Amino acid sequence: MKKWMACTIAAALAVGAAGCGSGDGGKSAEAPKAGSDAPNTQQGPTKFSISMRTLNFDYVEKAANLNDDKWVKELEKKTNTDLDIRLVPHADFEKKMVQMFATGDIPDVVQAGAGTSGKELAGSVQAGIFLELNDLLKQYAPNLLKAIPQAAWDEVTLNGKIYAIPEFISQPSRRATWVREDLMKKAGITKDPKTVDEYLDMLRAFKKIGVEHPFMGRQDFKYADIFFGAYDVYPYLSQFEVVDGKVQPKFFDSENMQKALQTYKTMFDEGLINKEFATINPTNFKNIILSGKAGMWEMNAQELLQWETQLKQSVPDAKIKIIPSPVGPDGKGGGYLYSSGARAYFINSKIDKSKIPGILKFFDWQVTEEADKWFDLTLPIEPKTDAEVSEQRYLSGFLHMVKDDAYRKQILNATEPGKELVKTFETILPNEGRGGIEFDPVLAAMQKNTDIAPLSDTAPPVLIAHMVKMVYGKEPISDWPRAIEEWKSKGGNDVLKEANERFQSKSGYKLRGPEAQKWK
């Protein structure tokens, strides 16, 4: 465990032991153990605090006090609760979470990633900060056990014990390739491209008709990485593979990594990708697209109708569609496959026991048909303005904490465009996506040096620096093997050693996607 992580947990436990961890003024009782007496149900609304990441939701980040929001008040009425929502800034999420555990000011419920060893949790699950939920779920939350797939429960289970309530993802290939269908027609493109070369030809056709950004790039290749998928070389956390009996990251495939980098360099040299892509942040990325200046980009498929609504304010005749992602030499492609869990909700083990039934029932209600209809259909299903889009996304996406986060069936099935998008989830996305081996808990060797550690959808910093320089022509792409050696020298060799030890012991890793099952 990293020194800072160990110190974090030591501090958290020290403060928690003093009774300050549950946000209830030090009146917490010990958490119930398996087989103990059931918690007493609180009289009246269950009052509890909950930390939640802002997730770049405009409605959330612009709110003066979310706890006074009308929709929060309505949710409280429907669930007999009194919420104290504590927002964690999206951009500083990991840093703020670590600070939270270090100070011991831990709310009753903590929202984090769907796992037990994420960086933001700072080893807190293993340190006993959170409540074991197995028996409590059976008693107070039967709907959750019925609605949430086992694979999602597995994401928040450690040594057979469930430590969180996961938001789940039924379609792991959720990122998609988006294209302006109206621009395709204008450019005379009558057939969807399939191969990388066909995609490049489409982008060239966009440039010829005056599209400013044929392919919309973004900082760190985030939501702009689909050509790495074509060559199956995503340099991400879940993208390890077995080659000649040894586990290694997919970016070790120098031949295909160089082909992918050359694709981006070709786009850069020909003006098919914005020249400043390496500094384009998420806000500018979206604003440029919604101004009508981009021809193709990547985004989560479920957001298509909302983006199209906003785009039409600038370009009334604009039409967006999702097409199969570019395929590489093996005839496959697509984004990296998500885990079966999205976010998850952990309950503080120092909580007043009387709160537990009400909290679990709060989450249990969220997977009912009544909840689905309220979250999804209360507001207009076809919002027309930015404000309406923002409010609908907030109610159905942010406040609806436990749901299938792949797509919103209630909203989509209410309109013909929505039904068409459902078909995309049923016909295009299941046929693409890149899986691999993911180590959970995260390899200790990676935690020792963040420069070599990838995230779920971001390459290790040491590699990003080379990738950008190679696309910009500042380094030869043929030097990629040297980038690999630098990664190894900075701790990558220890990563390889630990990864192979785990794989040989058949523990501490997950196989993501059907292709990875061959390594069982």
Protein backbone atom coordinates (compact mmCIF):
# COMPACT_ATOMS: atom_id res chain seq x y z
CA MET A 1 0.00 0.00 0.00
CA LYS A 2 1.34 3.46 -0.81
CA LYS A 3 2.65 5.47 2.12
CA TRP A 4 0.06 8.22 1.59
CA MET A 5 -2.72 5.67 1.44
CA ALA A 6 -1.62 4.02 4.66
CA CYS A 7 -1.45 7.41 6.36
CA THR A 8 -4.86 8.31 5.02
CA ILE A 9 -6.48 5.23 6.50
CA ALA A 10 -4.63 5.61 9.78
CA ALA A 11 -5.98 9.13 10.09
CA ALA A 12 -9.45 8.08 9.04
CA LEU A 13 -9.56 5.27 11.57
CA ALA A 14 -8.17 7.49 14.32
CA VAL A 15 -10.82 10.13 13.79
CA GLY A 16 -13.53 7.54 13.13
CA ALA A 17 -12.73 5.85 16.43
CA ALA A 18 -13.49 9.14 18.14
CA GLY A 19 -17.02 8.92 16.75
CA CYS A 20 -16.78 11.69 14.14
CA GLY A 21 -17.10 9.61 11.01
CA SER A 22 -20.79 9.41 10.33
CA GLY A 23 -21.75 13.05 10.24
CA ASP A 24 -24.24 12.68 13.11
CA GLY A 25 -22.48 14.61 15.84
CA GLY A 26 -20.70 11.62 17.32
CA LYS A 27 -23.87 9.73 18.26
CA SER A 28 -23.09 6.75 16.04
CA ALA A 29 -23.55 3.20 17.19
CA GLU A 30 -21.53 0.21 16.07
CA ALA A 31 -22.58 -1.40 12.80
CA PRO A 32 -24.62 -4.59 13.10
CA LYS A 33 -22.82 -7.86 12.52
CA ALA A 34 -24.25 -10.84 10.72
CA GLY A 35 -26.82 -12.51 12.95
CA SER A 36 -27.19 -9.52 15.29
CA ASP A 37 -30.49 -7.94 16.22
CA ALA A 38 -32.08 -6.02 13.34
CA PRO A 39 -31.65 -2.23 13.44
CA ASN A 40 -34.50 -0.28 14.95
CA THR A 41 -36.44 1.66 12.33
CA GLN A 42 -36.34 5.43 12.76
CA GLN A 43 -39.55 7.29 13.41
CA GLY A 44 -40.34 9.85 10.69
CA PRO A 45 -38.07 10.61 7.76
CA THR A 46 -34.65 8.97 7.72
CA LYS A 47 -32.09 11.75 7.83
CA PHE A 48 -28.73 10.91 6.31
CA SER A 49 -25.77 12.58 4.62
CA ILE A 50 -24.43 11.48 1.26
CA SER A 51 -21.39 12.59 -0.73
CA MET A 52 -21.86 12.72 -4.51
CA ARG A 53 -19.53 13.62 -7.36
CA THR A 54 -20.86 16.53 -9.45
CA LEU A 55 -20.07 14.57 -12.65
CA ASN A 56 -19.98 17.77 -14.76
CA PHE A 57 -23.78 18.08 -14.56
CA ASP A 58 -24.53 21.74 -15.34
CA TYR A 59 -27.63 21.78 -13.15
CA VAL A 60 -25.67 20.44 -10.19
CA GLU A 61 -22.59 22.63 -10.53
CA LYS A 62 -24.66 25.80 -10.94
CA ALA A 63 -26.96 25.11 -7.98
CA ALA A 64 -26.56 27.51 -5.06
CA ASN A 65 -27.60 24.78 -2.58
CA LEU A 66 -28.69 21.46 -4.00
CA ASN A 67 -30.37 20.48 -0.76
CA ASP A 68 -32.95 23.23 -1.36
CA ASP A 69 -33.65 22.02 -4.89
CA LYS A 70 -37.31 21.25 -5.64
CA TRP A 71 -36.51 17.81 -7.08
CA VAL A 72 -34.48 16.85 -4.03
CA LYS A 73 -37.46 17.85 -1.90
CA GLU A 74 -39.79 15.73 -4.04
CA LEU A 75 -37.43 12.77 -3.81
CA GLU A 76 -37.38 13.11 -0.04
CA LYS A 77 -41.18 13.02 0.08
CA LYS A 78 -41.34 9.91 -2.07
CA THR A 79 -38.74 8.06 -0.02
CA ASN A 80 -39.48 9.39 3.48
CA THR A 81 -35.97 10.77 3.82
CA ASP A 82 -34.18 13.99 4.71
CA LEU A 83 -31.06 14.22 2.56
CA ASP A 84 -27.88 16.16 3.24
CA ILE A 85 -26.12 16.02 -0.14
CA ARG A 86 -22.45 16.92 0.01
CA LEU A 87 -21.08 17.61 -3.46
CA VAL A 88 -17.56 16.55 -4.43
CA PRO A 89 -16.12 18.54 -7.40
CA HIS A 90 -15.79 16.38 -10.49
CA ALA A 91 -12.34 17.66 -11.47
CA ASP A 92 -10.84 17.12 -8.00
CA PHE A 93 -12.78 14.00 -7.08
CA GLU A 94 -9.91 11.70 -6.08
CA LYS A 95 -8.07 14.44 -4.19
CA LYS A 96 -11.16 15.54 -2.27
CA MET A 97 -12.11 11.96 -1.43
CA VAL A 98 -8.65 11.22 -0.04
CA GLN A 99 -8.92 14.37 2.06
CA MET A 100 -12.31 13.22 3.32
CA PHE A 101 -10.91 9.93 4.56
CA ALA A 102 -7.85 11.64 6.02
CA THR A 103 -9.96 14.00 8.13
CA GLY A 104 -12.48 11.34 9.09
CA ASP A 105 -15.40 13.60 8.15
CA ILE A 106 -17.14 10.78 6.33
CA PRO A 107 -20.86 11.06 5.54
CA ASP A 108 -23.38 8.31 6.18
CA VAL A 109 -23.30 7.26 2.52
CA VAL A 110 -20.36 7.69 0.16
CA GLN A 111 -20.66 7.59 -3.62
CA ALA A 112 -17.58 6.18 -5.36
CA GLY A 113 -16.68 4.04 -8.33
CA ALA A 114 -18.08 0.53 -8.63
CA GLY A 115 -15.24 -1.35 -6.99
CA THR A 116 -13.63 -1.90 -3.63
CA SER A 117 -10.13 -0.62 -4.40
CA GLY A 118 -10.51 2.57 -6.43
CA LYS A 119 -8.00 5.33 -5.76
CA GLU A 120 -10.76 7.57 -4.44
CA LEU A 121 -11.53 5.02 -1.71
CA ALA A 122 -7.94 5.12 -0.43
CA GLY A 123 -8.08 1.60 1.01
CA SER A 124 -11.10 2.45 3.15
CA VAL A 125 -13.06 -0.72 2.35
CA GLN A 126 -10.18 -2.94 3.41
CA ALA A 127 -9.77 -0.80 6.56
CA GLY A 128 -13.32 -1.49 7.71
CA ILE A 129 -14.75 1.98 7.11
CA PHE A 130 -17.88 0.62 5.41
CA LEU A 131 -20.72 -1.67 6.32
CA GLU A 132 -21.09 -5.25 5.12
CA LEU A 133 -24.49 -5.43 3.41
CA ASN A 134 -25.21 -9.09 2.58
CA ASP A 135 -27.84 -9.83 5.24
CA LEU A 136 -29.16 -6.29 5.39
CA LEU A 137 -29.94 -6.29 1.66
CA LYS A 138 -31.95 -9.48 2.05
CA GLN A 139 -33.97 -7.93 4.85
CA TYR A 140 -34.55 -4.39 3.62
CA ALA A 141 -33.78 -4.24 -0.12
CA PRO A 142 -35.22 -7.23 -2.04
CA ASN A 143 -35.79 -5.10 -5.15
CA LEU A 144 -32.09 -4.28 -5.36
CA LEU A 145 -31.12 -7.94 -5.20
CA LYS A 146 -33.62 -8.76 -7.92
CA ALA A 147 -32.88 -5.86 -10.30
CA ILE A 148 -29.09 -5.58 -10.15
CA PRO A 149 -27.16 -8.21 -12.17
CA GLN A 150 -24.77 -10.49 -10.30
CA ALA A 151 -21.84 -9.14 -12.32
CA ALA A 152 -22.46 -5.68 -10.85
CA TRP A 153 -22.65 -7.08 -7.31
CA ASP A 154 -19.35 -8.84 -7.96
CA GLU A 155 -17.75 -5.45 -8.61
CA VAL A 156 -18.48 -4.33 -5.03
CA THR A 157 -17.81 -7.65 -3.30
CA LEU A 158 -14.64 -8.38 -1.37
CA ASN A 159 -13.97 -11.80 0.14
CA GLY A 160 -17.60 -12.74 -0.31
CA LYS A 161 -18.91 -9.61 1.42
CA ILE A 162 -20.98 -6.96 -0.39
CA TYR A 163 -19.85 -3.47 0.58
CA ALA A 164 -21.89 -1.19 -1.68
CA ILE A 165 -25.01 -0.78 -3.79
CA PRO A 166 -23.92 -0.52 -7.43
CA GLU A 167 -25.42 1.41 -10.28
CA PHE A 168 -25.22 -1.12 -13.12
CA ILE A 169 -24.50 -1.15 -16.85
CA SER A 170 -26.35 -3.72 -18.94
CA GLN A 171 -24.46 -2.86 -22.16
CA PRO A 172 -20.70 -2.59 -21.49
CA SER A 173 -20.04 -1.21 -24.98
CA ARG A 174 -21.63 2.14 -24.13
CA ARG A 175 -19.29 4.52 -25.97
CA ALA A 176 -20.07 4.87 -29.64
CA THR A 177 -18.94 6.50 -32.86
CA TRP A 178 -21.13 9.51 -33.66
CA VAL A 179 -21.33 11.17 -37.05
CA ARG A 180 -23.27 14.06 -38.55
CA GLU A 181 -25.60 12.28 -40.94
CA ASP A 182 -26.56 15.56 -42.62
CA LEU A 183 -22.90 16.24 -43.40
CA MET A 184 -22.49 12.75 -44.83
CA LYS A 185 -25.34 13.46 -47.24
CA LYS A 186 -23.90 16.86 -48.11
CA ALA A 187 -20.52 15.25 -48.86
CA GLY A 188 -22.16 12.60 -51.05
CA ILE A 189 -21.36 9.71 -48.70
CA THR A 190 -24.08 7.11 -49.13
CA LYS A 191 -22.49 4.19 -47.28
CA ASP A 192 -21.24 4.02 -43.70
CA PRO A 193 -17.45 3.57 -43.52
CA LYS A 194 -16.09 0.41 -41.95
CA THR A 195 -12.29 0.26 -42.15
CA VAL A 196 -9.84 2.85 -40.91
CA ASP A 197 -9.05 3.89 -44.49
CA GLU A 198 -12.75 4.33 -45.28
CA TYR A 199 -13.12 6.49 -42.18
CA LEU A 200 -10.20 8.66 -43.27
CA ASP A 201 -11.82 9.09 -46.67
CA MET A 202 -15.04 10.23 -44.97
CA LEU A 203 -13.12 12.77 -42.89
CA ARG A 204 -11.40 14.06 -46.03
CA ALA A 205 -14.80 14.47 -47.65
CA PHE A 206 -15.95 16.47 -44.62
CA LYS A 207 -12.94 18.76 -44.93
CA LYS A 208 -13.63 19.26 -48.63
CA ILE A 209 -17.12 20.64 -47.90
CA GLY A 210 -15.74 23.01 -45.27
CA VAL A 211 -16.19 21.16 -41.96
CA GLU A 212 -13.79 22.85 -39.54
CA HIS A 213 -13.13 19.76 -37.41
CA PRO A 214 -13.82 16.58 -39.41
CA PHE A 215 -12.79 14.51 -36.35
CA MET A 216 -13.17 16.20 -32.97
CA GLY A 217 -10.12 15.53 -30.85
CA ARG A 218 -9.77 15.99 -27.11
CA GLN A 219 -7.09 16.20 -24.43
CA ASP A 220 -5.40 12.90 -23.55
CA PHE A 221 -7.32 11.25 -26.44
CA LYS A 222 -10.29 10.92 -24.07
CA TYR A 223 -13.48 10.36 -26.07
CA ALA A 224 -11.23 10.59 -29.12
CA ASP A 225 -9.52 7.19 -28.99
CA ILE A 226 -11.60 5.04 -31.34
CA PHE A 227 -8.71 4.35 -33.73
CA PHE A 228 -6.71 2.79 -30.89
CA GLY A 229 -9.70 0.48 -30.56
CA ALA A 230 -9.52 -0.44 -34.23
CA TYR A 231 -5.98 -1.73 -33.67
CA ASP A 232 -6.78 -3.18 -30.20
CA VAL A 233 -4.07 -1.22 -28.39
CA TYR A 234 -5.95 0.75 -25.75
CA PRO A 235 -3.39 1.66 -23.02
CA TYR A 236 -5.97 1.46 -20.23
CA LEU A 237 -6.46 -0.19 -16.87
CA SER A 238 -8.59 -3.06 -18.17
CA GLN A 239 -6.55 -3.66 -21.30
CA PHE A 240 -4.05 -6.38 -20.44
CA GLU A 241 -3.76 -9.53 -22.55
CA VAL A 242 -1.87 -12.81 -22.63
CA VAL A 243 0.84 -13.19 -25.27
CA ASP A 244 2.94 -16.37 -25.40
CA GLY A 245 1.74 -17.30 -21.94
CA LYS A 246 2.68 -13.97 -20.35
CA VAL A 247 0.44 -11.10 -19.26
CA GLN A 248 1.26 -7.71 -20.75
CA PRO A 249 -0.48 -4.41 -21.58
CA LYS A 250 -1.95 -4.23 -25.07
CA PHE A 251 0.20 -1.19 -25.90
CA PHE A 252 3.16 -3.59 -26.00
CA ASP A 253 1.92 -4.51 -29.51
CA SER A 254 4.30 -2.04 -31.16
CA GLU A 255 3.27 -2.85 -34.72
CA ASN A 256 -0.40 -2.06 -34.19
CA MET A 257 0.25 0.82 -31.79
CA GLN A 258 2.38 2.49 -34.43
CA LYS A 259 -0.38 2.00 -37.00
CA ALA A 260 -2.86 3.65 -34.66
CA LEU A 261 -0.54 6.56 -33.96
CA GLN A 262 0.12 6.96 -37.68
CA THR A 263 -3.64 7.21 -38.24
CA TYR A 264 -3.83 10.15 -35.83
CA LYS A 265 -0.73 11.74 -37.35
CA THR A 266 -2.28 11.47 -40.81
CA MET A 267 -5.39 13.22 -39.51
CA PHE A 268 -3.22 15.88 -37.88
CA ASP A 269 -1.08 16.45 -40.97
CA GLU A 270 -4.10 16.67 -43.26
CA GLY A 271 -6.13 18.92 -40.99
CA LEU A 272 -8.73 16.26 -40.24
CA ILE A 273 -8.36 16.69 -36.46
CA ASN A 274 -8.16 20.04 -34.67
CA LYS A 275 -4.54 21.17 -34.31
CA GLU A 276 -5.00 21.99 -30.62
CA PHE A 277 -6.60 18.66 -29.70
CA ALA A 278 -4.01 18.02 -26.98
CA THR A 279 -5.40 20.94 -24.93
CA ILE A 280 -9.14 20.65 -25.68
CA ASN A 281 -10.95 20.17 -22.36
CA PRO A 282 -14.39 18.50 -22.00
CA THR A 283 -16.28 21.81 -22.01
CA ASN A 284 -14.65 23.12 -25.17
CA PHE A 285 -15.00 19.70 -26.78
CA LYS A 286 -18.75 19.76 -26.32
CA ASN A 287 -19.16 23.44 -27.18
CA ILE A 288 -17.33 23.05 -30.49
CA ILE A 289 -19.48 20.06 -31.43
CA LEU A 290 -22.73 21.78 -30.44
CA SER A 291 -21.77 24.83 -32.48
CA GLY A 292 -21.90 22.62 -35.56
CA LYS A 293 -18.16 22.63 -36.35
CA ALA A 294 -17.46 18.87 -36.01
CA GLY A 295 -18.24 15.96 -38.32
CA MET A 296 -17.39 12.92 -36.20
CA TRP A 297 -16.64 12.25 -32.54
CA GLU A 298 -17.17 9.75 -29.71
CA MET A 299 -19.63 9.90 -26.82
CA ASN A 300 -21.81 7.65 -24.67
CA ALA A 301 -24.62 6.42 -26.88
CA GLN A 302 -27.41 7.20 -24.42
CA GLU A 303 -26.75 10.95 -24.74
CA LEU A 304 -27.42 11.20 -28.47
CA LEU A 305 -30.91 12.70 -28.39
CA GLN A 306 -29.92 15.35 -25.86
CA TRP A 307 -26.85 16.39 -27.84
CA GLU A 308 -28.89 16.51 -31.05
CA THR A 309 -31.49 18.75 -29.38
CA GLN A 310 -28.76 21.16 -28.30
CA LEU A 311 -26.99 21.01 -31.68
CA LYS A 312 -30.20 21.94 -33.50
CA GLN A 313 -30.19 25.30 -31.72
CA SER A 314 -27.13 26.19 -33.80
CA VAL A 315 -27.83 24.02 -36.85
CA PRO A 316 -31.59 23.37 -37.19
CA ASP A 317 -31.15 20.75 -39.92
CA ALA A 318 -28.43 18.82 -38.09
CA LYS A 319 -28.85 15.08 -37.68
CA ILE A 320 -26.61 12.80 -35.62
CA LYS A 321 -26.40 9.05 -35.98
CA ILE A 322 -24.34 6.25 -34.47
CA ILE A 323 -22.50 3.98 -36.88
CA PRO A 324 -20.31 0.91 -36.34
CA SER A 325 -16.87 1.94 -35.14
CA PRO A 326 -13.84 1.60 -37.42
CA VAL A 327 -12.39 -1.91 -37.61
CA GLY A 328 -8.75 -2.86 -37.84
CA PRO A 329 -6.75 -5.83 -39.16
CA ASP A 330 -8.77 -8.37 -37.16
CA GLY A 331 -12.08 -7.01 -38.46
CA LYS A 332 -13.09 -5.74 -35.02
CA GLY A 333 -13.17 -2.42 -33.20
CA GLY A 334 -15.09 -0.24 -30.78
CA GLY A 335 -14.51 1.42 -27.45
CA TYR A 336 -13.10 -0.25 -24.38
CA LEU A 337 -15.70 -2.32 -22.55
CA TYR A 338 -17.01 -0.85 -19.32
CA SER A 339 -17.37 -2.87 -16.16
CA SER A 340 -20.81 -4.12 -15.13
CA GLY A 341 -20.96 -1.46 -12.44
CA ALA A 342 -20.89 2.32 -12.80
CA ARG A 343 -20.93 4.21 -9.51
CA ALA A 344 -21.63 2.64 -6.12
CA TYR A 345 -22.94 3.69 -2.71
CA PHE A 346 -21.10 2.66 0.46
CA ILE A 347 -22.66 2.95 3.92
CA ASN A 348 -20.50 4.18 6.79
CA SER A 349 -19.92 1.41 9.34
CA LYS A 350 -20.15 3.95 12.20
CA ILE A 351 -23.67 4.96 11.25
CA ASP A 352 -26.53 5.10 13.75
CA LYS A 353 -28.12 1.66 13.27
CA SER A 354 -31.62 3.12 13.23
CA LYS A 355 -30.83 4.81 9.90
CA ILE A 356 -29.92 1.63 8.06
CA PRO A 357 -33.44 0.40 7.12
CA GLY A 358 -34.45 3.81 5.79
CA ILE A 359 -31.27 4.21 3.73
CA LEU A 360 -31.59 0.77 2.18
CA LYS A 361 -35.27 1.34 1.42
CA PHE A 362 -34.33 4.67 -0.20
CA PHE A 363 -32.08 2.85 -2.67
CA ASP A 364 -34.45 -0.11 -2.98
CA TRP A 365 -37.23 2.19 -4.23
CA GLN A 366 -34.96 3.52 -6.98
CA VAL A 367 -35.12 0.29 -8.99
CA THR A 368 -38.92 0.04 -8.94
CA GLU A 369 -41.15 0.78 -11.92
CA GLU A 370 -42.67 3.68 -10.00
CA ALA A 371 -39.22 5.24 -9.60
CA ASP A 372 -38.29 4.68 -13.25
CA LYS A 373 -41.40 6.53 -14.38
CA TRP A 374 -40.94 9.39 -11.94
CA PHE A 375 -37.28 10.00 -12.74
CA ASP A 376 -37.66 9.56 -16.50
CA LEU A 377 -41.12 10.78 -17.43
CA THR A 378 -41.91 13.65 -15.04
CA LEU A 379 -40.13 16.23 -17.19
CA PRO A 380 -40.59 16.65 -20.98
CA ILE A 381 -39.05 13.66 -22.74
CA GLU A 382 -38.05 15.90 -25.65
CA PRO A 383 -36.49 18.98 -24.01
CA LYS A 384 -36.06 21.94 -26.34
CA THR A 385 -33.70 24.29 -24.53
CA ASP A 386 -30.34 23.93 -22.79
CA ALA A 387 -32.05 24.54 -19.47
CA GLU A 388 -34.64 21.82 -20.12
CA VAL A 389 -31.96 19.37 -21.23
CA SER A 390 -29.89 20.16 -18.14
CA GLU A 391 -32.83 19.67 -15.79
CA GLN A 392 -33.93 16.41 -17.39
CA ARG A 393 -30.39 15.00 -17.26
CA TYR A 394 -30.19 15.99 -13.61
CA LEU A 395 -33.44 14.31 -12.60
CA SER A 396 -33.05 11.13 -14.64
CA GLY A 397 -29.26 10.84 -14.52
CA PHE A 398 -28.00 12.39 -11.28
CA LEU A 399 -30.76 11.97 -8.71
CA HIS A 400 -31.65 8.52 -10.04
CA MET A 401 -28.69 6.96 -8.30
CA VAL A 402 -29.32 3.25 -8.84
CA LYS A 403 -30.43 2.28 -12.34
CA ASP A 404 -29.26 0.74 -15.59
CA ASP A 405 -26.78 3.41 -16.63
CA ALA A 406 -26.40 2.06 -20.16
CA TYR A 407 -29.56 3.78 -21.38
CA ARG A 408 -32.90 5.04 -20.15
CA LYS A 409 -35.58 2.75 -21.58
CA GLN A 410 -38.56 4.69 -20.22
CA ILE A 411 -37.48 7.89 -21.98
CA LEU A 412 -36.29 6.28 -25.18
CA ASN A 413 -39.31 4.06 -25.75
CA ALA A 414 -41.63 7.07 -25.44
CA THR A 415 -40.64 8.52 -28.84
CA GLU A 416 -39.80 7.24 -32.31
CA PRO A 417 -36.26 8.73 -32.25
CA GLY A 418 -35.80 7.09 -28.87
CA LYS A 419 -36.92 3.74 -30.19
CA GLU A 420 -34.38 4.09 -33.00
CA LEU A 421 -31.66 4.68 -30.42
CA VAL A 422 -32.76 1.56 -28.54
CA LYS A 423 -32.15 -0.36 -31.77
CA THR A 424 -28.60 0.97 -31.74
CA PHE A 425 -28.11 -0.57 -28.32
CA GLU A 426 -29.55 -3.83 -29.57
CA THR A 427 -27.84 -4.08 -32.98
CA ILE A 428 -24.63 -2.02 -33.19
CA LEU A 429 -23.08 -1.79 -29.73
CA PRO A 430 -23.32 -5.50 -28.77
CA ASN A 431 -21.14 -6.31 -31.79
CA GLU A 432 -18.19 -4.11 -30.86
CA GLY A 433 -15.93 -3.24 -27.97
CA ARG A 434 -12.50 -4.29 -26.69
CA GLY A 435 -12.18 -6.27 -23.48
CA GLY A 436 -9.18 -7.59 -21.62
CA ILE A 437 -7.75 -8.42 -18.21
CA GLU A 438 -8.27 -5.96 -15.37
CA PHE A 439 -6.49 -6.32 -12.04
CA ASP A 440 -8.60 -5.63 -8.96
CA PRO A 441 -7.35 -4.49 -6.51
CA VAL A 442 -5.17 -2.22 -8.63
CA LEU A 443 -1.63 -3.54 -8.88
CA ALA A 444 0.49 -2.20 -6.02
CA ALA A 445 3.36 -1.57 -8.44
CA MET A 446 1.18 0.92 -10.31
CA GLN A 447 0.26 2.76 -7.13
CA LYS A 448 3.93 3.39 -6.40
CA ASN A 449 4.35 5.56 -9.51
CA THR A 450 1.34 7.31 -11.01
CA ASP A 451 3.43 8.23 -14.07
CA ILE A 452 3.12 4.64 -15.33
CA ALA A 453 -0.41 3.98 -14.09
CA PRO A 454 -3.31 4.13 -16.56
CA LEU A 455 -6.88 4.99 -15.62
CA SER A 456 -10.05 3.39 -16.95
CA ASP A 457 -9.93 5.51 -20.12
CA THR A 458 -6.64 7.41 -19.94
CA ALA A 459 -3.16 6.21 -20.81
CA PRO A 460 -0.31 6.46 -18.28
CA PRO A 461 1.13 10.02 -18.26
CA VAL A 462 4.53 8.78 -19.42
CA LEU A 463 2.90 7.30 -22.54
CA ILE A 464 0.55 10.21 -23.25
CA ALA A 465 3.54 12.52 -23.52
CA HIS A 466 5.05 10.33 -26.24
CA MET A 467 1.74 9.74 -28.01
CA VAL A 468 1.06 13.47 -28.35
CA LYS A 469 4.61 14.24 -29.49
CA MET A 470 4.42 11.51 -32.11
CA VAL A 471 1.13 12.78 -33.52
CA TYR A 472 2.50 16.33 -33.57
CA GLY A 473 5.63 15.11 -35.37
CA LYS A 474 7.98 15.94 -32.51
CA GLU A 475 9.09 12.31 -32.12
CA PRO A 476 9.25 9.52 -34.70
CA ILE A 477 6.46 6.99 -34.33
CA SER A 478 9.05 4.27 -34.89
CA ASP A 479 10.39 5.13 -31.41
CA TRP A 480 7.36 3.54 -29.73
CA PRO A 481 9.47 0.58 -28.46
CA ARG A 482 11.57 3.16 -26.59
CA ALA A 483 8.42 4.50 -24.94
CA ILE A 484 7.66 0.97 -23.76
CA GLU A 485 11.17 0.63 -22.33
CA GLU A 486 10.78 3.93 -20.47
CA TRP A 487 7.50 2.67 -19.02
CA LYS A 488 9.27 -0.50 -17.90
CA SER A 489 12.19 1.38 -16.35
CA LYS A 490 9.91 3.59 -14.26
CA GLY A 491 8.24 0.66 -12.55
CA GLY A 492 6.61 -1.19 -15.41
CA ASN A 493 8.81 -4.23 -14.89
CA ASP A 494 7.40 -4.52 -11.36
CA VAL A 495 3.89 -4.17 -12.82
CA LEU A 496 4.57 -7.06 -15.20
CA LYS A 497 5.97 -9.22 -12.42
CA GLU A 498 3.00 -8.60 -10.12
CA ALA A 499 0.46 -8.98 -12.93
CA ASN A 500 1.83 -12.36 -13.94
CA GLU A 501 1.99 -13.57 -10.35
CA ARG A 502 -1.66 -12.67 -9.87
CA PHE A 503 -2.65 -14.28 -13.14
CA GLN A 504 -0.81 -17.49 -12.32
CA SER A 505 -2.43 -17.61 -8.88
CA LYS A 506 -5.83 -17.11 -10.54
CA SER A 507 -6.82 -14.34 -8.13
CA GLY A 508 -7.10 -10.56 -8.07
CA TYR A 509 -8.19 -10.00 -11.65
CA LYS A 510 -11.28 -9.90 -13.84
CA LEU A 511 -11.80 -10.97 -17.43
CA ARG A 512 -13.78 -8.28 -19.21
CA GLY A 513 -15.58 -9.10 -22.45
CA PRO A 514 -16.25 -12.37 -24.31
CA GLU A 515 -12.85 -12.41 -26.01
CA ALA A 516 -11.07 -12.41 -22.66
CA GLN A 517 -12.81 -15.62 -21.56
CA LYS A 518 -10.20 -17.63 -23.46
CA TRP A 519 -7.76 -16.78 -20.65
CA LYS A 520 -9.79 -18.46 -17.91
